[in-house]
PDB file of N, CA and C in Angstrom:
ATOM      1  N   MET A   1      83.924 109.228  95.862  1.00  0.00           N
ATOM      2  CA  MET A   1      84.404 108.141  95.032  1.00  0.00           C
ATOM      3  C   MET A   1      85.798 107.710  95.505  1.00  0.00           C
ATOM      4  N   PHE A   2      86.066 106.421  95.315  1.00  0.00           N
ATOM      5  CA  PHE A   2      87.357 105.859  95.708  1.00  0.00           C
ATOM      6  C   PHE A   2      87.917 105.018  94.570  1.00  0.00           C
ATOM      7  N   ASN A   3      89.237 104.899  94.534  1.00  0.00           N
ATOM      8  CA  ASN A   3      89.934 104.084  93.543  1.00  0.00           C
ATOM      9  C   ASN A   3      90.985 103.219  94.226  1.00  0.00           C
ATOM     10  N   ILE A   4      91.327 102.126  93.560  1.00  0.00           N
ATOM     11  CA  ILE A   4      92.403 101.258  94.033  1.00  0.00           C
ATOM     12  C   ILE A   4      93.704 101.716  93.373  1.00  0.00           C
ATOM     13  N   VAL A   5      94.740 101.801  94.176  1.00  0.00           N
ATOM     14  CA  VAL A   5      96.078 102.144  93.691  1.00  0.00           C
ATOM     15  C   VAL A   5      97.019 101.021  94.121  1.00  0.00           C
ATOM     16  N   ALA A   6      98.007 100.727  93.271  1.00  0.00           N
ATOM     17  CA  ALA A   6      98.924  99.625  93.557  1.00  0.00           C
ATOM     18  C   ALA A   6     100.380 100.087  93.501  1.00  0.00           C
ATOM     19  N   THR A   7     101.194  99.463  94.340  1.00  0.00           N
ATOM     20  CA  THR A   7     102.648  99.516  94.206  1.00  0.00           C
ATOM     21  C   THR A   7     103.071  98.095  93.858  1.00  0.00           C
ATOM     22  N   ILE A   8     103.767  97.935  92.742  1.00  0.00           N
ATOM     23  CA  ILE A   8     104.141  96.622  92.230  1.00  0.00           C
ATOM     24  C   ILE A   8     105.655  96.479  92.311  1.00  0.00           C
ATOM     25  N   CYS A   9     106.123  95.386  92.913  1.00  0.00           N
ATOM     26  CA  CYS A   9     107.562  95.147  93.069  1.00  0.00           C
ATOM     27  C   CYS A   9     107.956  93.840  92.393  1.00  0.00           C
ATOM     28  N   PHE A  10     108.937  93.928  91.522  1.00  0.00           N
ATOM     29  CA  PHE A  10     109.507  92.753  90.862  1.00  0.00           C
ATOM     30  C   PHE A  10     110.698  92.309  91.697  1.00  0.00           C
ATOM     31  N   LEU A  11     110.614  91.108  92.254  1.00  0.00           N
ATOM     32  CA  LEU A  11     111.575  90.683  93.262  1.00  0.00           C
ATOM     33  C   LEU A  11     112.815  90.011  92.690  1.00  0.00           C
ATOM     34  N   GLN A  12     112.715  89.421  91.518  1.00  0.00           N
ATOM     35  CA  GLN A  12     113.862  88.684  90.978  1.00  0.00           C
ATOM     36  C   GLN A  12     114.069  88.980  89.504  1.00  0.00           C
ATOM     37  N   LEU A  13     114.496  90.193  89.209  1.00  0.00           N
ATOM     38  CA  LEU A  13     114.824  90.564  87.831  1.00  0.00           C
ATOM     39  C   LEU A  13     116.331  90.423  87.656  1.00  0.00           C
ATOM     40  N   THR A  14     116.755  89.363  87.033  1.00  0.00           N
ATOM     41  CA  THR A  14     118.180  89.057  86.824  1.00  0.00           C
ATOM     42  C   THR A  14     118.962  89.319  88.099  1.00  0.00           C
ATOM     43  N   ASN A  15     120.025  90.104  87.999  1.00  0.00           N
ATOM     44  CA  ASN A  15     120.855  90.363  89.182  1.00  0.00           C
ATOM     45  C   ASN A  15     120.574  91.739  89.785  1.00  0.00           C
ATOM     46  N   LEU A  16     119.485  92.370  89.393  1.00  0.00           N
ATOM     47  CA  LEU A  16     119.125  93.679  89.933  1.00  0.00           C
ATOM     48  C   LEU A  16     118.434  93.530  91.291  1.00  0.00           C
ATOM     49  N   PRO A  17     118.513  94.557  92.115  1.00  0.00           N
ATOM     50  CA  PRO A  17     117.739  94.519  93.364  1.00  0.00           C
ATOM     51  C   PRO A  17     116.256  94.632  93.028  1.00  0.00           C
ATOM     52  N   PRO A  18     115.380  94.359  93.985  1.00  0.00           N
ATOM     53  CA  PRO A  18     113.944  94.497  93.719  1.00  0.00           C
ATOM     54  C   PRO A  18     113.617  95.876  93.140  1.00  0.00           C
ATOM     55  N   MET A  19     112.762  95.876  92.131  1.00  0.00           N
ATOM     56  CA  MET A  19     112.384  97.107  91.453  1.00  0.00           C
ATOM     57  C   MET A  19     110.889  97.335  91.659  1.00  0.00           C
ATOM     58  N   CYS A  20     110.529  98.508  92.170  1.00  0.00           N
ATOM     59  CA  CYS A  20     109.127  98.796  92.467  1.00  0.00           C
ATOM     60  C   CYS A  20     108.610  99.958  91.618  1.00  0.00           C
ATOM     61  N   LEU A  21     107.372  99.828  91.214  1.00  0.00           N
ATOM     62  CA  LEU A  21     106.665 100.881  90.494  1.00  0.00           C
ATOM     63  C   LEU A  21     105.512 101.328  91.370  1.00  0.00           C
ATOM     64  N   ALA A  22     105.479 102.597  91.697  1.00  0.00           N
ATOM     65  CA  ALA A  22     104.474 103.106  92.642  1.00  0.00           C
ATOM     66  C   ALA A  22     103.322 103.786  91.914  1.00  0.00           C
ATOM     67  N   ASN A  23     102.192 103.850  92.608  1.00  0.00           N
ATOM     68  CA  ASN A  23     101.023 104.607  92.169  1.00  0.00           C
ATOM     69  C   ASN A  23     100.439 104.145  90.844  1.00  0.00           C
ATOM     70  N   ALA A  24     100.332 102.832  90.683  1.00  0.00           N
ATOM     71  CA  ALA A  24      99.633 102.288  89.509  1.00  0.00           C
ATOM     72  C   ALA A  24      98.143 102.427  89.788  1.00  0.00           C
ATOM     73  N   TYR A  25      97.504 103.311  89.056  1.00  0.00           N
ATOM     74  CA  TYR A  25      96.117 103.691  89.289  1.00  0.00           C
ATOM     75  C   TYR A  25      95.184 102.746  88.541  1.00  0.00           C
ATOM     76  N   ILE A  26      94.219 102.154  89.240  1.00  0.00           N
ATOM     77  CA  ILE A  26      93.224 101.283  88.614  1.00  0.00           C
ATOM     78  C   ILE A  26      91.977 102.132  88.387  1.00  0.00           C
ATOM     79  N   PRO A  27      91.627 102.419  87.128  1.00  0.00           N
ATOM     80  CA  PRO A  27      90.578 103.399  86.841  1.00  0.00           C
ATOM     81  C   PRO A  27      89.152 102.859  86.959  1.00  0.00           C
ATOM     82  N   VAL A  28      88.813 102.356  88.143  1.00  0.00           N
ATOM     83  CA  VAL A  28      87.453 101.912  88.434  1.00  0.00           C
ATOM     84  C   VAL A  28      87.003 102.676  89.667  1.00  0.00           C
ATOM     85  N   ASP A  29      85.852 103.325  89.572  1.00  0.00           N
ATOM     86  CA  ASP A  29      85.340 104.117  90.690  1.00  0.00           C
ATOM     87  C   ASP A  29      84.452 103.277  91.604  1.00  0.00           C
ATOM     88  N   PHE A  30      84.605 103.489  92.909  1.00  0.00           N
ATOM     89  CA  PHE A  30      83.759 102.851  93.911  1.00  0.00           C
ATOM     90  C   PHE A  30      83.110 103.959  94.730  1.00  0.00           C
ATOM     91  N   GLU A  31      81.841 103.795  95.041  1.00  0.00           N
ATOM     92  CA  GLU A  31      81.081 104.817  95.752  1.00  0.00           C
ATOM     93  C   GLU A  31      81.600 105.058  97.166  1.00  0.00           C
ATOM     94  N   THR A  32      81.965 103.985  97.859  1.00  0.00           N
ATOM     95  CA  THR A  32      82.391 104.118  99.256  1.00  0.00           C
ATOM     96  C   THR A  32      83.751 103.449  99.460  1.00  0.00           C
ATOM     97  N   LYS A  33      84.413 103.819 100.552  1.00  0.00           N
ATOM     98  CA  LYS A  33      85.690 103.189 100.874  1.00  0.00           C
ATOM     99  C   LYS A  33      85.490 101.716 101.195  1.00  0.00           C
ATOM    100  N   ASP A  34      84.389 101.376 101.863  1.00  0.00           N
ATOM    101  CA  ASP A  34      84.117  99.969 102.175  1.00  0.00           C
ATOM    102  C   ASP A  34      83.972  99.130 100.907  1.00  0.00           C
ATOM    103  N   GLU A  35      83.288  99.671  99.900  1.00  0.00           N
ATOM    104  CA  GLU A  35      83.144  98.959  98.622  1.00  0.00           C
ATOM    105  C   GLU A  35      84.501  98.778  97.948  1.00  0.00           C
ATOM    106  N   CYS A  36      85.315  99.802  98.005  1.00  0.00           N
ATOM    107  CA  CYS A  36      86.660  99.743  97.427  1.00  0.00           C
ATOM    108  C   CYS A  36      87.506  98.682  98.135  1.00  0.00           C
ATOM    109  N   LEU A  37      87.467  98.682  99.460  1.00  0.00           N
ATOM    110  CA  LEU A  37      88.237  97.705 100.230  1.00  0.00           C
ATOM    111  C   LEU A  37      87.768  96.279  99.967  1.00  0.00           C
ATOM    112  N   LEU A  38      86.471  96.094  99.825  1.00  0.00           N
ATOM    113  CA  LEU A  38      85.925  94.779  99.526  1.00  0.00           C
ATOM    114  C   LEU A  38      86.439  94.276  98.178  1.00  0.00           C
ATOM    115  N   LYS A  39      86.393  95.113  97.163  1.00  0.00           N
ATOM    116  CA  LYS A  39      86.878  94.719  95.831  1.00  0.00           C
ATOM    117  C   LYS A  39      88.385  94.478  95.854  1.00  0.00           C
ATOM    118  N   ARG A  40      89.116  95.302  96.610  1.00  0.00           N
ATOM    119  CA  ARG A  40      90.559  95.100  96.748  1.00  0.00           C
ATOM    120  C   ARG A  40      90.845  93.729  97.339  1.00  0.00           C
ATOM    121  N   ASN A  41      90.108  93.342  98.374  1.00  0.00           N
ATOM    122  CA  ASN A  41      90.323  92.045  99.014  1.00  0.00           C
ATOM    123  C   ASN A  41      90.022  90.892  98.065  1.00  0.00           C
ATOM    124  N   VAL A  42      88.985  91.020  97.260  1.00  0.00           N
ATOM    125  CA  VAL A  42      88.656  89.993  96.270  1.00  0.00           C
ATOM    126  C   VAL A  42      89.780  89.901  95.232  1.00  0.00           C
ATOM    127  N   LEU A  43      90.255  91.046  94.772  1.00  0.00           N
ATOM    128  CA  LEU A  43      91.336  91.084  93.788  1.00  0.00           C
ATOM    129  C   LEU A  43      92.597  90.426  94.329  1.00  0.00           C
ATOM    130  N   VAL A  44      92.926  90.686  95.580  1.00  0.00           N
ATOM    131  CA  VAL A  44      94.102  90.084  96.213  1.00  0.00           C
ATOM    132  C   VAL A  44      93.994  88.555  96.189  1.00  0.00           C
ATOM    133  N   GLN A  45      92.842  88.036  96.549  1.00  0.00           N
ATOM    134  CA  GLN A  45      92.645  86.579  96.546  1.00  0.00           C
ATOM    135  C   GLN A  45      92.777  85.998  95.141  1.00  0.00           C
ATOM    136  N   GLU A  46      92.284  86.724  94.136  1.00  0.00           N
ATOM    137  CA  GLU A  46      92.312  86.219  92.759  1.00  0.00           C
ATOM    138  C   GLU A  46      93.716  86.184  92.159  1.00  0.00           C
ATOM    139  N   ILE A  47      94.581  87.118  92.534  1.00  0.00           N
ATOM    140  CA  ILE A  47      95.889  87.210  91.877  1.00  0.00           C
ATOM    141  C   ILE A  47      97.054  86.739  92.741  1.00  0.00           C
ATOM    142  N   ASP A  48      96.814  86.369  93.983  1.00  0.00           N
ATOM    143  CA  ASP A  48      97.881  86.029  94.919  1.00  0.00           C
ATOM    144  C   ASP A  48      98.802  84.919  94.411  1.00  0.00           C
ATOM    145  N   GLU A  49      98.259  83.792  94.024  1.00  0.00           N
ATOM    146  CA  GLU A  49      99.088  82.654  93.594  1.00  0.00           C
ATOM    147  C   GLU A  49      99.900  82.987  92.333  1.00  0.00           C
ATOM    148  N   ASP A  50      99.283  83.681  91.396  1.00  0.00           N
ATOM    149  CA  ASP A  50      99.984  84.052  90.164  1.00  0.00           C
ATOM    150  C   ASP A  50     101.158  84.982  90.458  1.00  0.00           C
ATOM    151  N   LEU A  51     100.950  85.948  91.327  1.00  0.00           N
ATOM    152  CA  LEU A  51     102.038  86.872  91.677  1.00  0.00           C
ATOM    153  C   LEU A  51     103.182  86.142  92.370  1.00  0.00           C
ATOM    154  N   LYS A  52     102.859  85.235  93.276  1.00  0.00           N
ATOM    155  CA  LYS A  52     103.903  84.457  93.957  1.00  0.00           C
ATOM    156  C   LYS A  52     104.715  83.645  92.960  1.00  0.00           C
ATOM    157  N   ALA A  53     104.043  83.013  92.013  1.00  0.00           N
ATOM    158  CA  ALA A  53     104.736  82.198  91.005  1.00  0.00           C
ATOM    159  C   ALA A  53     105.678  83.039  90.150  1.00  0.00           C
ATOM    160  N   ARG A  54     105.333  84.298  89.957  1.00  0.00           N
ATOM    161  CA  ARG A  54     106.150  85.196  89.118  1.00  0.00           C
ATOM    162  C   ARG A  54     107.136  86.043  89.929  1.00  0.00           C
ATOM    163  N   HIS A  55     107.184  85.821  91.244  1.00  0.00           N
ATOM    164  CA  HIS A  55     108.065  86.587  92.144  1.00  0.00           C
ATOM    165  C   HIS A  55     107.775  88.086  92.055  1.00  0.00           C
ATOM    166  N   VAL A  56     106.493  88.395  92.114  1.00  0.00           N
ATOM    167  CA  VAL A  56     106.038  89.781  92.094  1.00  0.00           C
ATOM    168  C   VAL A  56     105.258  90.033  93.380  1.00  0.00           C
ATOM    169  N   SER A  57     105.510  91.171  93.967  1.00  0.00           N
ATOM    170  CA  SER A  57     104.781  91.577  95.162  1.00  0.00           C
ATOM    171  C   SER A  57     103.956  92.821  94.816  1.00  0.00           C
ATOM    172  N   MET A  58     102.758  92.914  95.388  1.00  0.00           N
ATOM    173  CA  MET A  58     101.905  94.053  95.080  1.00  0.00           C
ATOM    174  C   MET A  58     101.197  94.512  96.347  1.00  0.00           C
ATOM    175  N   ILE A  59     101.202  95.804  96.560  1.00  0.00           N
ATOM    176  CA  ILE A  59     100.458  96.411  97.655  1.00  0.00           C
ATOM    177  C   ILE A  59      99.299  97.171  97.027  1.00  0.00           C
ATOM    178  N   LEU A  60      98.086  96.850  97.431  1.00  0.00           N
ATOM    179  CA  LEU A  60      96.895  97.522  96.925  1.00  0.00           C
ATOM    180  C   LEU A  60      96.254  98.313  98.048  1.00  0.00           C
ATOM    181  N   TYR A  61      95.869  99.530  97.768  1.00  0.00           N
ATOM    182  CA  TYR A  61      95.201 100.341  98.777  1.00  0.00           C
ATOM    183  C   TYR A  61      94.170 101.245  98.107  1.00  0.00           C
ATOM    184  N   CYS A  62      93.212 101.683  98.890  1.00  0.00           N
ATOM    185  CA  CYS A  62      92.141 102.536  98.382  1.00  0.00           C
ATOM    186  C   CYS A  62      92.412 103.990  98.758  1.00  0.00           C
ATOM    187  N   ILE A  63      92.180 104.869  97.793  1.00  0.00           N
ATOM    188  CA  ILE A  63      92.325 106.308  98.035  1.00  0.00           C
ATOM    189  C   ILE A  63      91.064 107.019  97.572  1.00  0.00           C
ATOM    190  N   GLU A  64      90.827 108.160  98.152  1.00  0.00           N
ATOM    191  CA  GLU A  64      89.720 108.985  97.676  1.00  0.00           C
ATOM    192  C   GLU A  64      90.108 109.573  96.327  1.00  0.00           C
ATOM    193  N   LYS A  65      89.186 109.487  95.382  1.00  0.00           N
ATOM    194  CA  LYS A  65      89.463 109.981  94.035  1.00  0.00           C
ATOM    195  C   LYS A  65      89.717 111.492  94.076  1.00  0.00           C
ATOM    196  N   PRO A  66      90.812 111.908  93.464  1.00  0.00           N
ATOM    197  CA  PRO A  66      91.093 113.358  93.451  1.00  0.00           C
ATOM    198  C   PRO A  66      89.995 114.105  92.678  1.00  0.00           C
ATOM    199  N   LYS A  67      89.620 115.244  93.205  1.00  0.00           N
ATOM    200  CA  LYS A  67      88.620 116.073  92.525  1.00  0.00           C
ATOM    201  C   LYS A  67      89.348 117.108  91.688  1.00  0.00           C
ATOM    202  N   VAL A  68      89.014 117.162  90.430  1.00  0.00           N
ATOM    203  CA  VAL A  68      89.633 118.101  89.526  1.00  0.00           C
ATOM    204  C   VAL A  68      88.651 119.247  89.286  1.00  0.00           C
ATOM    205  N   GLN A  69      89.095 120.456  89.507  1.00  0.00           N
ATOM    206  CA  GLN A  69      88.253 121.622  89.302  1.00  0.00           C
ATOM    207  C   GLN A  69      88.782 122.399  88.119  1.00  0.00           C
ATOM    208  N   SER A  70      87.903 122.764  87.236  1.00  0.00           N
ATOM    209  CA  SER A  70      88.330 123.583  86.118  1.00  0.00           C
ATOM    210  C   SER A  70      88.230 125.056  86.523  1.00  0.00           C
ATOM    211  N   THR A  71      89.133 125.838  85.996  1.00  0.00           N
ATOM    212  CA  THR A  71      89.130 127.276  86.283  1.00  0.00           C
ATOM    213  C   THR A  71      89.268 128.023  84.956  1.00  0.00           C
ATOM    214  N   ASN A  72      88.811 129.228  84.951  1.00  0.00           N
ATOM    215  CA  ASN A  72      88.972 130.087  83.786  1.00  0.00           C
ATOM    216  C   ASN A  72      90.291 130.824  83.907  1.00  0.00           C
ATOM    217  N   VAL A  73      91.180 130.554  82.978  1.00  0.00           N
ATOM    218  CA  VAL A  73      92.486 131.197  83.012  1.00  0.00           C
ATOM    219  C   VAL A  73      92.652 132.056  81.788  1.00  0.00           C
TER     220      VAL A  73
END
C-alpha cells in the first residue's frame, strides 16, 4: 500500500519568511506506487491554480505505507 504525503509552504505570511509544514499525511491507500503517482498528478493539476493564487507551494510525494506490528508487552 502507498499513501500521498505533502510538504506545504506558505510563501507570503505577513513579514515572516516562508513557513513550511512537513509530512502532511493524506489518509487514502493506493495498491501500487503507480496508482499513487497517478492520483498525485491528478491532484496537482486540480489544485495548482488555487495554490498559486494563495501564494502556497506544495510538494506531494508517494511513500510506502508504514506497517504497524502489534506485540505482546
